[in-house]
Amino acid sequence: MSQALADLLARLDLQEIEPDVFSGTSPEAGLVRVFGGLVVSQALMAVSRTVLERPPHSLHSYFLLPGDPTKPIRYEVERLRDGGSFSARRCVAKQDGRTIFALTASFHAVEDGLDYAPSMPDVPKPEALPDLAGLTAALGDRMPEGVRRYLERERPIDLRIIDLKRFAPRPAGTPPRTGQRIWMRAKGSLPDDPAMHRAVLAYLSDMTLLDVALVPHDSSVFDKKVQAASLDHAIWFHRPFRADEWMLYDEEAQSTQSARGLCRGRLFSASGALIATTMQEGLIRPKAS
């Protein structure tokens, strides 16, 4: 297990400081604000601690204020409903008495029903693709500096980027690209607790999704001419999975307008099962030159 993954797992093991109130922390090194995926994953762990017999099937959340990585985050859980089959929880994350994030999650008792899902796209296997170290070495000076710094950072998630053309100039006269596909998994073995696997999936689901809104515009969140920030994040969990096994993240831009971008993601297991669907809208604001 990488040290970065061990650190993430420790931060997902929230401390309950009062009944239904939990405390979480964030890495401080080099961060201006708390990573949104960490807040989503910690809030999901907080609400999951209050529903022991039912797994979550969906969550919807809003990023309200930037989090300060030097201060703990207080997660307050409200028990909205416990019915015969479903439970609902709300969680607000606070720093200095101000709400920085809000999440609502629904839990459903496991039961049999109809079963359908789209097929996984036909893509190269992760073992056939270079890891991030090999990728940065192979591309050398052709890789934008901002992308290089991001990929070289120690992280708890292993990434294998499928189409490197996403980071290259688009040939004149060709239609715009609309998405990207990346293999992802935790960089080491995880405990068997399914709640931890869902939390790690929530964490990694925020790593690259908003960037897809800029793919049709031949840009990225590393472009200094663009101000990008997540506004909301939603996840639907479909089938059991392990986040320490390879998952294909199939990401597609849905719309950019009014200085906002909407993105959709689908996560598949290596065997082709649809694990989860994600949606995210973010601020995509061109900066004044």
C-alpha atoms as a PDB file:
ATOM      1  CA  MET A   1       0.000   0.000   0.000  1.00  0.00           C
ATOM      2  CA  SER A   2       1.297   3.443  -0.911  1.00  0.00           C
ATOM      3  CA  GLN A   3       1.778   5.989   1.860  1.00  0.00           C
ATOM      4  CA  ALA A   4      -0.735   8.271   0.129  1.00  0.00           C
ATOM      5  CA  LEU A   5      -3.401   5.539   0.254  1.00  0.00           C
ATOM      6  CA  ALA A   6      -2.627   4.759   3.900  1.00  0.00           C
ATOM      7  CA  ASP A   7      -3.061   8.464   4.652  1.00  0.00           C
ATOM      8  CA  LEU A   8      -6.412   8.557   2.815  1.00  0.00           C
ATOM      9  CA  LEU A   9      -7.733   5.520   4.690  1.00  0.00           C
ATOM     10  CA  ALA A  10      -6.728   7.119   7.988  1.00  0.00           C
ATOM     11  CA  ARG A  11      -8.613  10.298   7.046  1.00  0.00           C
ATOM     12  CA  LEU A  12     -11.701   8.288   6.100  1.00  0.00           C
ATOM     13  CA  ASP A  13     -11.707   6.686   9.565  1.00  0.00           C
ATOM     14  CA  LEU A  14     -13.644   9.599  11.033  1.00  0.00           C
ATOM     15  CA  GLN A  15     -13.712  10.353  14.743  1.00  0.00           C
ATOM     16  CA  GLU A  16     -17.210  10.544  16.248  1.00  0.00           C
ATOM     17  CA  ILE A  17     -16.994  13.518  18.608  1.00  0.00           C
ATOM     18  CA  GLU A  18     -20.712  13.652  19.491  1.00  0.00           C
ATOM     19  CA  PRO A  19     -23.682  11.451  18.596  1.00  0.00           C
ATOM     20  CA  ASP A  20     -24.004  11.667  14.767  1.00  0.00           C
ATOM     21  CA  VAL A  21     -21.239  14.299  14.600  1.00  0.00           C
ATOM     22  CA  PHE A  22     -17.863  13.394  13.114  1.00  0.00           C
ATOM     23  CA  SER A  23     -14.513  15.126  12.619  1.00  0.00           C
ATOM     24  CA  GLY A  24     -12.263  14.805   9.569  1.00  0.00           C
ATOM     25  CA  THR A  25      -8.948  16.281   8.483  1.00  0.00           C
ATOM     26  CA  SER A  26      -7.264  17.047   5.167  1.00  0.00           C
ATOM     27  CA  PRO A  27      -3.640  16.882   3.957  1.00  0.00           C
ATOM     28  CA  GLU A  28      -2.064  20.337   4.093  1.00  0.00           C
ATOM     29  CA  ALA A  29       0.968  19.896   1.842  1.00  0.00           C
ATOM     30  CA  GLY A  30       0.769  22.233  -1.122  1.00  0.00           C
ATOM     31  CA  LEU A  31      -3.026  22.580  -1.058  1.00  0.00           C
ATOM     32  CA  VAL A  32      -4.827  25.918  -1.229  1.00  0.00           C
ATOM     33  CA  ARG A  33      -8.199  24.341  -0.477  1.00  0.00           C
ATOM     34  CA  VAL A  34      -9.549  20.955   0.586  1.00  0.00           C
ATOM     35  CA  PHE A  35      -9.944  18.528  -2.334  1.00  0.00           C
ATOM     36  CA  GLY A  36     -13.658  18.177  -3.056  1.00  0.00           C
ATOM     37  CA  GLY A  37     -13.478  14.419  -3.495  1.00  0.00           C
ATOM     38  CA  LEU A  38     -12.156  14.084   0.050  1.00  0.00           C
ATOM     39  CA  VAL A  39     -15.103  16.044   1.461  1.00  0.00           C
ATOM     40  CA  VAL A  40     -17.584  13.904  -0.515  1.00  0.00           C
ATOM     41  CA  SER A  41     -15.934  10.686   0.663  1.00  0.00           C
ATOM     42  CA  GLN A  42     -15.743  11.786   4.314  1.00  0.00           C
ATOM     43  CA  ALA A  43     -19.384  12.935   4.301  1.00  0.00           C
ATOM     44  CA  LEU A  44     -20.382   9.597   2.766  1.00  0.00           C
ATOM     45  CA  MET A  45     -18.500   7.771   5.519  1.00  0.00           C
ATOM     46  CA  ALA A  46     -20.238   9.937   8.124  1.00  0.00           C
ATOM     47  CA  VAL A  47     -23.776   9.152   6.915  1.00  0.00           C
ATOM     48  CA  SER A  48     -22.870   5.485   6.382  1.00  0.00           C
ATOM     49  CA  ARG A  49     -21.892   5.230  10.059  1.00  0.00           C
ATOM     50  CA  THR A  50     -25.565   5.915  10.919  1.00  0.00           C
ATOM     51  CA  VAL A  51     -27.100   3.308   8.538  1.00  0.00           C
ATOM     52  CA  LEU A  52     -25.550  -0.057   9.253  1.00  0.00           C
ATOM     53  CA  GLU A  53     -27.780  -2.556   7.423  1.00  0.00           C
ATOM     54  CA  ARG A  54     -28.413  -0.779   4.095  1.00  0.00           C
ATOM     55  CA  PRO A  55     -25.909   0.365   1.462  1.00  0.00           C
ATOM     56  CA  PRO A  56     -26.276   3.798  -0.150  1.00  0.00           C
ATOM     57  CA  HIS A  57     -27.686   3.823  -3.670  1.00  0.00           C
ATOM     58  CA  SER A  58     -27.290   7.544  -4.359  1.00  0.00           C
ATOM     59  CA  LEU A  59     -25.883  10.790  -3.046  1.00  0.00           C
ATOM     60  CA  HIS A  60     -26.326  14.400  -4.123  1.00  0.00           C
ATOM     61  CA  SER A  61     -24.057  17.142  -2.840  1.00  0.00           C
ATOM     62  CA  TYR A  62     -23.145  20.811  -3.174  1.00  0.00           C
ATOM     63  CA  PHE A  63     -19.814  22.554  -2.659  1.00  0.00           C
ATOM     64  CA  LEU A  64     -20.680  25.850  -0.957  1.00  0.00           C
ATOM     65  CA  LEU A  65     -17.374  27.337   0.246  1.00  0.00           C
ATOM     66  CA  PRO A  66     -13.697  26.390  -0.182  1.00  0.00           C
ATOM     67  CA  GLY A  67     -12.437  24.262   2.706  1.00  0.00           C
ATOM     68  CA  ASP A  68      -9.323  25.216   4.658  1.00  0.00           C
ATOM     69  CA  PRO A  69      -6.910  22.220   4.712  1.00  0.00           C
ATOM     70  CA  THR A  70      -5.258  23.448   7.923  1.00  0.00           C
ATOM     71  CA  LYS A  71      -8.476  23.085   9.962  1.00  0.00           C
ATOM     72  CA  PRO A  72     -10.613  20.042  10.862  1.00  0.00           C
ATOM     73  CA  ILE A  73     -14.004  19.615   9.210  1.00  0.00           C
ATOM     74  CA  ARG A  74     -17.090  18.974  11.344  1.00  0.00           C
ATOM     75  CA  TYR A  75     -19.624  16.595   9.731  1.00  0.00           C
ATOM     76  CA  GLU A  76     -23.114  16.845  11.240  1.00  0.00           C
ATOM     77  CA  VAL A  77     -25.524  14.063  10.227  1.00  0.00           C
ATOM     78  CA  GLU A  78     -29.314  14.408  10.342  1.00  0.00           C
ATOM     79  CA  ARG A  79     -31.430  11.241  10.285  1.00  0.00           C
ATOM     80  CA  LEU A  80     -34.226  12.148   7.864  1.00  0.00           C
ATOM     81  CA  ARG A  81     -36.015   8.815   7.511  1.00  0.00           C
ATOM     82  CA  ASP A  82     -35.817   5.100   8.257  1.00  0.00           C
ATOM     83  CA  GLY A  83     -38.559   3.252   6.365  1.00  0.00           C
ATOM     84  CA  GLY A  84     -39.231  -0.367   5.557  1.00  0.00           C
ATOM     85  CA  SER A  85     -36.783  -0.435   2.640  1.00  0.00           C
ATOM     86  CA  PHE A  86     -35.149   3.008   2.439  1.00  0.00           C
ATOM     87  CA  SER A  87     -33.257   5.332   4.764  1.00  0.00           C
ATOM     88  CA  ALA A  88     -32.272   8.935   4.115  1.00  0.00           C
ATOM     89  CA  ARG A  89     -29.601  11.097   5.696  1.00  0.00           C
ATOM     90  CA  ARG A  90     -28.410  14.677   5.361  1.00  0.00           C
ATOM     91  CA  CYS A  91     -24.878  15.789   6.233  1.00  0.00           C
ATOM     92  CA  VAL A  92     -23.457  19.294   6.443  1.00  0.00           C
ATOM     93  CA  ALA A  93     -19.719  19.920   6.656  1.00  0.00           C
ATOM     94  CA  LYS A  94     -18.628  22.954   8.659  1.00  0.00           C
ATOM     95  CA  GLN A  95     -15.494  24.954   9.436  1.00  0.00           C
ATOM     96  CA  ASP A  96     -15.480  27.908  11.837  1.00  0.00           C
ATOM     97  CA  GLY A  97     -19.263  27.608  12.154  1.00  0.00           C
ATOM     98  CA  ARG A  98     -19.815  28.060   8.390  1.00  0.00           C
ATOM     99  CA  THR A  99     -21.279  25.358   6.157  1.00  0.00           C
ATOM    100  CA  ILE A 100     -18.835  24.564   3.348  1.00  0.00           C
ATOM    101  CA  PHE A 101     -20.582  21.485   1.914  1.00  0.00           C
ATOM    102  CA  ALA A 102     -23.943  19.703   2.052  1.00  0.00           C
ATOM    103  CA  LEU A 103     -24.832  16.131   1.109  1.00  0.00           C
ATOM    104  CA  THR A 104     -28.041  14.089   1.021  1.00  0.00           C
ATOM    105  CA  ALA A 105     -27.823  10.307   0.666  1.00  0.00           C
ATOM    106  CA  SER A 106     -30.406   7.571   0.239  1.00  0.00           C
ATOM    107  CA  PHE A 107     -29.911   3.973   1.387  1.00  0.00           C
ATOM    108  CA  HIS A 108     -31.813   0.931   0.105  1.00  0.00           C
ATOM    109  CA  ALA A 109     -32.064  -2.554   1.545  1.00  0.00           C
ATOM    110  CA  VAL A 110     -30.674  -5.124  -0.908  1.00  0.00           C
ATOM    111  CA  GLU A 111     -33.448  -6.848  -2.865  1.00  0.00           C
ATOM    112  CA  ASP A 112     -33.923  -8.686  -6.172  1.00  0.00           C
ATOM    113  CA  GLY A 113     -35.248  -6.957  -9.289  1.00  0.00           C
ATOM    114  CA  LEU A 114     -34.790  -6.376 -13.017  1.00  0.00           C
ATOM    115  CA  ASP A 115     -31.200  -6.178 -14.241  1.00  0.00           C
ATOM    116  CA  TYR A 116     -29.892  -4.178 -17.225  1.00  0.00           C
ATOM    117  CA  ALA A 117     -26.834  -2.022 -17.903  1.00  0.00           C
ATOM    118  CA  PRO A 118     -25.060  -0.722 -21.021  1.00  0.00           C
ATOM    119  CA  SER A 119     -21.936  -2.504 -22.174  1.00  0.00           C
ATOM    120  CA  MET A 120     -18.506  -1.217 -21.246  1.00  0.00           C
ATOM    121  CA  PRO A 121     -16.671   0.564 -24.090  1.00  0.00           C
ATOM    122  CA  ASP A 122     -14.041  -1.461 -25.910  1.00  0.00           C
ATOM    123  CA  VAL A 123     -10.753  -0.003 -24.673  1.00  0.00           C
ATOM    124  CA  PRO A 124      -7.176  -1.200 -24.075  1.00  0.00           C
ATOM    125  CA  LYS A 125      -6.632  -3.068 -20.809  1.00  0.00           C
ATOM    126  CA  PRO A 126      -4.873  -1.123 -18.046  1.00  0.00           C
ATOM    127  CA  GLU A 127      -1.923  -3.530 -18.087  1.00  0.00           C
ATOM    128  CA  ALA A 128      -1.218  -2.469 -21.683  1.00  0.00           C
ATOM    129  CA  LEU A 129      -0.993   1.217 -20.758  1.00  0.00           C
ATOM    130  CA  PRO A 130       1.905   3.106 -19.127  1.00  0.00           C
ATOM    131  CA  ASP A 131       1.636   4.194 -15.509  1.00  0.00           C
ATOM    132  CA  LEU A 132       1.988   7.891 -14.732  1.00  0.00           C
ATOM    133  CA  ALA A 133       5.759   7.723 -14.306  1.00  0.00           C
ATOM    134  CA  GLY A 134       6.132   6.032 -17.671  1.00  0.00           C
ATOM    135  CA  LEU A 135       3.706   8.467 -19.244  1.00  0.00           C
ATOM    136  CA  THR A 136       5.533  11.601 -18.122  1.00  0.00           C
ATOM    137  CA  ALA A 137       8.882  10.104 -19.142  1.00  0.00           C
ATOM    138  CA  ALA A 138       7.584   9.158 -22.590  1.00  0.00           C
ATOM    139  CA  LEU A 139       6.001  12.523 -23.372  1.00  0.00           C
ATOM    140  CA  GLY A 140       8.812  14.647 -21.977  1.00  0.00           C
ATOM    141  CA  ASP A 141       8.571  18.318 -22.949  1.00  0.00           C
ATOM    142  CA  ARG A 142       5.448  17.683 -25.029  1.00  0.00           C
ATOM    143  CA  MET A 143       3.385  17.433 -21.828  1.00  0.00           C
ATOM    144  CA  PRO A 144       2.048  20.784 -20.504  1.00  0.00           C
ATOM    145  CA  GLU A 145       3.778  21.782 -17.275  1.00  0.00           C
ATOM    146  CA  GLY A 146       0.535  21.961 -15.271  1.00  0.00           C
ATOM    147  CA  VAL A 147      -0.435  18.445 -16.364  1.00  0.00           C
ATOM    148  CA  ARG A 148       3.049  17.175 -15.518  1.00  0.00           C
ATOM    149  CA  ARG A 149       2.946  18.579 -11.978  1.00  0.00           C
ATOM    150  CA  TYR A 150      -0.495  17.043 -11.419  1.00  0.00           C
ATOM    151  CA  LEU A 151       0.532  13.603 -12.668  1.00  0.00           C
ATOM    152  CA  GLU A 152       3.814  13.541 -10.737  1.00  0.00           C
ATOM    153  CA  ARG A 153       2.136  14.296  -7.403  1.00  0.00           C
ATOM    154  CA  GLU A 154       2.017  11.362  -4.990  1.00  0.00           C
ATOM    155  CA  ARG A 155      -1.586  10.184  -4.809  1.00  0.00           C
ATOM    156  CA  PRO A 156      -3.608   7.282  -3.369  1.00  0.00           C
ATOM    157  CA  ILE A 157      -5.120   6.399  -6.757  1.00  0.00           C
ATOM    158  CA  ASP A 158      -3.395   4.631  -9.661  1.00  0.00           C
ATOM    159  CA  LEU A 159      -4.336   6.110 -13.056  1.00  0.00           C
ATOM    160  CA  ARG A 160      -3.886   4.769 -16.593  1.00  0.00           C
ATOM    161  CA  ILE A 161      -4.922   7.320 -19.228  1.00  0.00           C
ATOM    162  CA  ILE A 162      -6.240   5.670 -22.382  1.00  0.00           C
ATOM    163  CA  ASP A 163      -6.164   8.420 -25.018  1.00  0.00           C
ATOM    164  CA  LEU A 164      -3.236  10.811 -24.739  1.00  0.00           C
ATOM    165  CA  LYS A 165      -4.572  12.841 -27.669  1.00  0.00           C
ATOM    166  CA  ARG A 166      -6.799  14.539 -25.119  1.00  0.00           C
ATOM    167  CA  PHE A 167      -3.752  16.599 -24.066  1.00  0.00           C
ATOM    168  CA  ALA A 168      -2.511  17.310 -27.606  1.00  0.00           C
ATOM    169  CA  PRO A 169      -3.644  20.064 -30.006  1.00  0.00           C
ATOM    170  CA  ARG A 170      -6.599  18.997 -32.171  1.00  0.00           C
ATOM    171  CA  PRO A 171      -5.798  18.864 -35.888  1.00  0.00           C
ATOM    172  CA  ALA A 172      -7.510  21.599 -37.897  1.00  0.00           C
ATOM    173  CA  GLY A 173     -10.822  20.577 -39.416  1.00  0.00           C
ATOM    174  CA  THR A 174     -11.472  17.632 -37.080  1.00  0.00           C
ATOM    175  CA  PRO A 175     -14.579  17.554 -34.861  1.00  0.00           C
ATOM    176  CA  PRO A 176     -14.116  18.409 -31.183  1.00  0.00           C
ATOM    177  CA  ARG A 177     -13.496  15.643 -28.716  1.00  0.00           C
ATOM    178  CA  THR A 178     -16.179  15.244 -26.072  1.00  0.00           C
ATOM    179  CA  GLY A 179     -14.781  12.922 -23.426  1.00  0.00           C
ATOM    180  CA  GLN A 180     -11.958  10.890 -21.965  1.00  0.00           C
ATOM    181  CA  ARG A 181     -11.468   7.414 -20.496  1.00  0.00           C
ATOM    182  CA  ILE A 182      -9.190   6.526 -17.601  1.00  0.00           C
ATOM    183  CA  TRP A 183      -8.551   3.320 -15.676  1.00  0.00           C
ATOM    184  CA  MET A 184      -8.452   3.899 -11.909  1.00  0.00           C
ATOM    185  CA  ARG A 185      -7.955   1.891  -8.727  1.00  0.00           C
ATOM    186  CA  ALA A 186      -6.677   2.385  -5.194  1.00  0.00           C
ATOM    187  CA  LYS A 187      -2.893   2.155  -5.018  1.00  0.00           C
ATOM    188  CA  GLY A 188      -2.901  -0.860  -2.697  1.00  0.00           C
ATOM    189  CA  SER A 189      -5.268  -3.340  -1.042  1.00  0.00           C
ATOM    190  CA  LEU A 190      -8.259  -1.982   0.872  1.00  0.00           C
ATOM    191  CA  PRO A 191     -10.040  -3.447   3.890  1.00  0.00           C
ATOM    192  CA  ASP A 192     -13.057  -5.611   3.042  1.00  0.00           C
ATOM    193  CA  ASP A 193     -15.531  -3.050   4.453  1.00  0.00           C
ATOM    194  CA  PRO A 194     -17.792  -2.094   1.482  1.00  0.00           C
ATOM    195  CA  ALA A 195     -18.292   1.376   2.987  1.00  0.00           C
ATOM    196  CA  MET A 196     -14.574   2.057   2.575  1.00  0.00           C
ATOM    197  CA  HIS A 197     -14.678   0.963  -1.068  1.00  0.00           C
ATOM    198  CA  ARG A 198     -17.622   3.282  -1.741  1.00  0.00           C
ATOM    199  CA  ALA A 199     -15.807   6.148  -0.035  1.00  0.00           C
ATOM    200  CA  VAL A 200     -12.672   5.586  -2.136  1.00  0.00           C
ATOM    201  CA  LEU A 201     -14.816   5.505  -5.281  1.00  0.00           C
ATOM    202  CA  ALA A 202     -16.408   8.802  -4.197  1.00  0.00           C
ATOM    203  CA  TYR A 203     -12.918  10.249  -3.719  1.00  0.00           C
ATOM    204  CA  LEU A 204     -11.594   9.230  -7.138  1.00  0.00           C
ATOM    205  CA  SER A 205     -14.843  10.121  -8.935  1.00  0.00           C
ATOM    206  CA  ASP A 206     -14.057  13.819  -8.392  1.00  0.00           C
ATOM    207  CA  MET A 207     -10.448  13.686  -9.592  1.00  0.00           C
ATOM    208  CA  THR A 208     -10.943  14.160 -13.339  1.00  0.00           C
ATOM    209  CA  LEU A 209     -14.655  14.652 -14.015  1.00  0.00           C
ATOM    210  CA  LEU A 210     -14.943  18.445 -14.213  1.00  0.00           C
ATOM    211  CA  ASP A 211     -11.992  18.580 -16.603  1.00  0.00           C
ATOM    212  CA  VAL A 212     -14.144  16.832 -19.214  1.00  0.00           C
ATOM    213  CA  ALA A 213     -16.275  19.970 -19.633  1.00  0.00           C
ATOM    214  CA  LEU A 214     -13.248  21.600 -21.246  1.00  0.00           C
ATOM    215  CA  VAL A 215     -12.380  18.758 -23.632  1.00  0.00           C
ATOM    216  CA  PRO A 216     -14.657  20.046 -26.459  1.00  0.00           C
ATOM    217  CA  HIS A 217     -12.934  23.421 -26.127  1.00  0.00           C
ATOM    218  CA  ASP A 218      -9.411  21.981 -26.451  1.00  0.00           C
ATOM    219  CA  SER A 219      -8.652  23.180 -22.936  1.00  0.00           C
ATOM    220  CA  SER A 220      -8.315  21.753 -19.437  1.00  0.00           C
ATOM    221  CA  VAL A 221      -8.521  22.815 -15.799  1.00  0.00           C
ATOM    222  CA  PHE A 222      -4.764  23.424 -16.016  1.00  0.00           C
ATOM    223  CA  ASP A 223      -5.355  26.289 -18.451  1.00  0.00           C
ATOM    224  CA  LYS A 224      -4.503  29.520 -16.622  1.00  0.00           C
ATOM    225  CA  LYS A 225      -7.083  31.342 -18.750  1.00  0.00           C
ATOM    226  CA  VAL A 226      -9.930  29.376 -17.146  1.00  0.00           C
ATOM    227  CA  GLN A 227     -11.322  29.502 -13.610  1.00  0.00           C
ATOM    228  CA  ALA A 228     -12.721  26.065 -12.762  1.00  0.00           C
ATOM    229  CA  ALA A 229     -14.413  24.911  -9.548  1.00  0.00           C
ATOM    230  CA  SER A 230     -16.860  22.133  -8.698  1.00  0.00           C
ATOM    231  CA  LEU A 231     -20.382  23.238  -7.793  1.00  0.00           C
ATOM    232  CA  ASP A 232     -22.106  19.916  -7.151  1.00  0.00           C
ATOM    233  CA  HIS A 233     -21.486  16.175  -7.344  1.00  0.00           C
ATOM    234  CA  ALA A 234     -23.845  13.204  -7.567  1.00  0.00           C
ATOM    235  CA  ILE A 235     -23.227   9.451  -7.517  1.00  0.00           C
ATOM    236  CA  TRP A 236     -25.543   6.500  -8.108  1.00  0.00           C
ATOM    237  CA  PHE A 237     -24.174   3.150  -6.892  1.00  0.00           C
ATOM    238  CA  HIS A 238     -25.413   0.231  -9.010  1.00  0.00           C
ATOM    239  CA  ARG A 239     -23.508  -2.969  -8.244  1.00  0.00           C
ATOM    240  CA  PRO A 240     -20.988  -4.344  -5.717  1.00  0.00           C
ATOM    241  CA  PHE A 241     -17.332  -3.640  -6.506  1.00  0.00           C
ATOM    242  CA  ARG A 242     -13.856  -3.327  -5.071  1.00  0.00           C
ATOM    243  CA  ALA A 243     -12.106   0.027  -5.453  1.00  0.00           C
ATOM    244  CA  ASP A 244      -8.689  -1.661  -5.255  1.00  0.00           C
ATOM    245  CA  GLU A 245      -9.414  -3.416  -8.566  1.00  0.00           C
ATOM    246  CA  TRP A 246      -9.276  -1.673 -11.943  1.00  0.00           C
ATOM    247  CA  MET A 247     -12.321   0.439 -12.855  1.00  0.00           C
ATOM    248  CA  LEU A 248     -12.854   2.188 -16.172  1.00  0.00           C
ATOM    249  CA  TYR A 249     -14.008   5.796 -15.780  1.00  0.00           C
ATOM    250  CA  ASP A 250     -15.841   6.718 -18.992  1.00  0.00           C
ATOM    251  CA  GLU A 251     -16.353  10.508 -18.860  1.00  0.00           C
ATOM    252  CA  GLU A 252     -18.337  12.684 -21.265  1.00  0.00           C
ATOM    253  CA  ALA A 253     -19.072  16.415 -21.515  1.00  0.00           C
ATOM    254  CA  GLN A 254     -22.833  17.070 -21.575  1.00  0.00           C
ATOM    255  CA  SER A 255     -23.086  20.865 -21.835  1.00  0.00           C
ATOM    256  CA  THR A 256     -21.120  24.071 -21.358  1.00  0.00           C
ATOM    257  CA  GLN A 257     -23.012  27.342 -21.070  1.00  0.00           C
ATOM    258  CA  SER A 258     -23.409  30.383 -18.795  1.00  0.00           C
ATOM    259  CA  ALA A 259     -19.884  29.853 -17.394  1.00  0.00           C
ATOM    260  CA  ARG A 260     -20.857  26.349 -16.204  1.00  0.00           C
ATOM    261  CA  GLY A 261     -20.067  22.855 -17.467  1.00  0.00           C
ATOM    262  CA  LEU A 262     -22.000  19.625 -16.900  1.00  0.00           C
ATOM    263  CA  CYS A 263     -20.224  16.252 -17.041  1.00  0.00           C
ATOM    264  CA  ARG A 264     -21.339  12.624 -16.829  1.00  0.00           C
ATOM    265  CA  GLY A 265     -19.253   9.657 -15.782  1.00  0.00           C
ATOM    266  CA  ARG A 266     -19.747   5.889 -15.809  1.00  0.00           C
ATOM    267  CA  LEU A 267     -17.564   3.525 -13.804  1.00  0.00           C
ATOM    268  CA  PHE A 268     -17.203  -0.068 -15.004  1.00  0.00           C
ATOM    269  CA  SER A 269     -15.425  -2.995 -13.386  1.00  0.00           C
ATOM    270  CA  ALA A 270     -12.683  -4.682 -15.390  1.00  0.00           C
ATOM    271  CA  SER A 271     -15.166  -7.495 -16.117  1.00  0.00           C
ATOM    272  CA  GLY A 272     -17.565  -4.991 -17.707  1.00  0.00           C
ATOM    273  CA  ALA A 273     -20.181  -4.508 -14.971  1.00  0.00           C
ATOM    274  CA  LEU A 274     -21.568  -0.976 -14.545  1.00  0.00           C
ATOM    275  CA  ILE A 275     -20.578  -0.017 -10.995  1.00  0.00           C
ATOM    276  CA  ALA A 276     -21.696   3.592 -10.656  1.00  0.00           C
ATOM    277  CA  THR A 277     -22.846   6.672 -12.546  1.00  0.00           C
ATOM    278  CA  THR A 278     -21.686  10.187 -11.670  1.00  0.00           C
ATOM    279  CA  MET A 279     -22.737  13.701 -12.626  1.00  0.00           C
ATOM    280  CA  GLN A 280     -21.021  16.971 -11.844  1.00  0.00           C
ATOM    281  CA  GLU A 281     -21.580  20.604 -12.718  1.00  0.00           C
ATOM    282  CA  GLY A 282     -18.837  23.130 -12.229  1.00  0.00           C
ATOM    283  CA  LEU A 283     -17.885  26.710 -12.784  1.00  0.00           C
ATOM    284  CA  ILE A 284     -16.059  27.107 -16.120  1.00  0.00           C
ATOM    285  CA  ARG A 285     -15.356  30.819 -16.277  1.00  0.00           C
ATOM    286  CA  PRO A 286     -12.973  32.355 -18.816  1.00  0.00           C
ATOM    287  CA  LYS A 287     -10.628  34.750 -17.053  1.00  0.00           C
ATOM    288  CA  ALA A 288     -10.321  38.315 -18.296  1.00  0.00           C
ATOM    289  CA  SER A 289      -7.123  38.702 -20.315  1.00  0.00           C
END
